[in-house]
């Protein structure tokens, strides 16, 4: 019984760590994107950022 408990505990530790890493990566990406959008000062910079954002999104969907 002790062996099963230790194995289950190790599994849930790895699972929780993976979920925390994913959440951290997502929040880092969201903060970086928000900071980028804060740099928009005029319509031209908005268009450039919008095009770059769409291009990155197209790449991420195809990868």
Protein backbone atom coordinates (compact mmCIF):
# COMPACT_ATOMS: atom_id res chain seq x y z
CA UNK A 1 0.00 0.00 0.00
CA UNK A 2 2.85 2.38 0.81
CA UNK A 3 4.42 1.83 -2.62
CA UNK A 4 1.12 2.67 -4.35
CA UNK A 5 0.72 5.80 -2.24
CA UNK A 6 4.24 7.00 -3.07
CA UNK A 7 3.71 6.32 -6.77
CA UNK A 8 0.39 8.17 -6.76
CA UNK A 9 1.93 11.07 -4.87
CA UNK A 10 4.78 11.31 -7.40
CA UNK A 11 2.30 11.22 -10.27
CA UNK A 12 0.14 13.99 -8.84
CA UNK A 13 3.24 16.05 -8.07
CA UNK A 14 4.34 15.80 -11.71
CA UNK A 15 0.82 16.55 -12.92
CA UNK A 16 0.51 19.62 -10.71
CA UNK A 17 3.97 20.83 -11.78
CA UNK A 18 3.05 20.50 -15.45
CA UNK A 19 -0.18 22.44 -14.91
CA UNK A 20 1.64 25.18 -13.02
CA UNK A 21 4.28 25.43 -15.76
CA UNK A 22 1.55 25.74 -18.40
CA UNK A 23 -0.26 28.41 -16.39
CA UNK A 24 2.98 30.33 -15.87
CA UNK A 25 3.82 30.18 -19.59
CA UNK A 26 0.32 31.37 -20.52
CA UNK A 27 0.38 34.25 -18.05
CA UNK A 28 3.86 35.30 -19.21
CA UNK A 29 2.64 35.32 -22.80
CA UNK A 30 -0.49 37.31 -21.90
CA UNK A 31 1.50 39.91 -19.97
CA UNK A 32 4.01 40.27 -22.81
CA UNK A 33 1.18 40.72 -25.29
CA UNK A 34 -0.52 43.31 -23.06
CA UNK A 35 2.73 45.26 -22.79
CA UNK A 36 3.09 45.18 -26.55
CA UNK A 37 -0.44 46.55 -27.04
CA UNK A 38 0.31 49.36 -24.58
CA UNK A 39 2.88 50.65 -27.08
CA UNK A 40 0.14 51.47 -29.61
CA UNK A 41 0.12 55.24 -30.03
CA UNK A 42 -1.40 55.84 -33.46
CA UNK A 43 -3.37 54.05 -36.19
CA UNK A 44 -0.23 53.03 -38.08
CA UNK A 45 1.34 51.31 -35.05
CA UNK A 46 -2.02 49.61 -34.45
CA UNK A 47 -2.08 48.25 -38.00
CA UNK A 48 1.52 47.00 -37.77
CA UNK A 49 0.85 45.28 -34.47
CA UNK A 50 -2.44 43.80 -35.72
CA UNK A 51 -0.73 42.35 -38.81
CA UNK A 52 2.14 40.95 -36.75
CA UNK A 53 -0.32 39.46 -34.27
CA UNK A 54 -2.32 37.77 -37.03
CA UNK A 55 0.87 36.44 -38.60
CA UNK A 56 2.01 34.96 -35.26
CA UNK A 57 -1.43 33.47 -34.70
CA UNK A 58 -1.39 31.84 -38.15
CA UNK A 59 2.04 30.37 -37.44
CA UNK A 60 1.01 29.05 -34.03
CA UNK A 61 -2.11 27.37 -35.44
CA UNK A 62 -0.17 25.65 -38.19
CA UNK A 63 2.62 24.44 -35.88
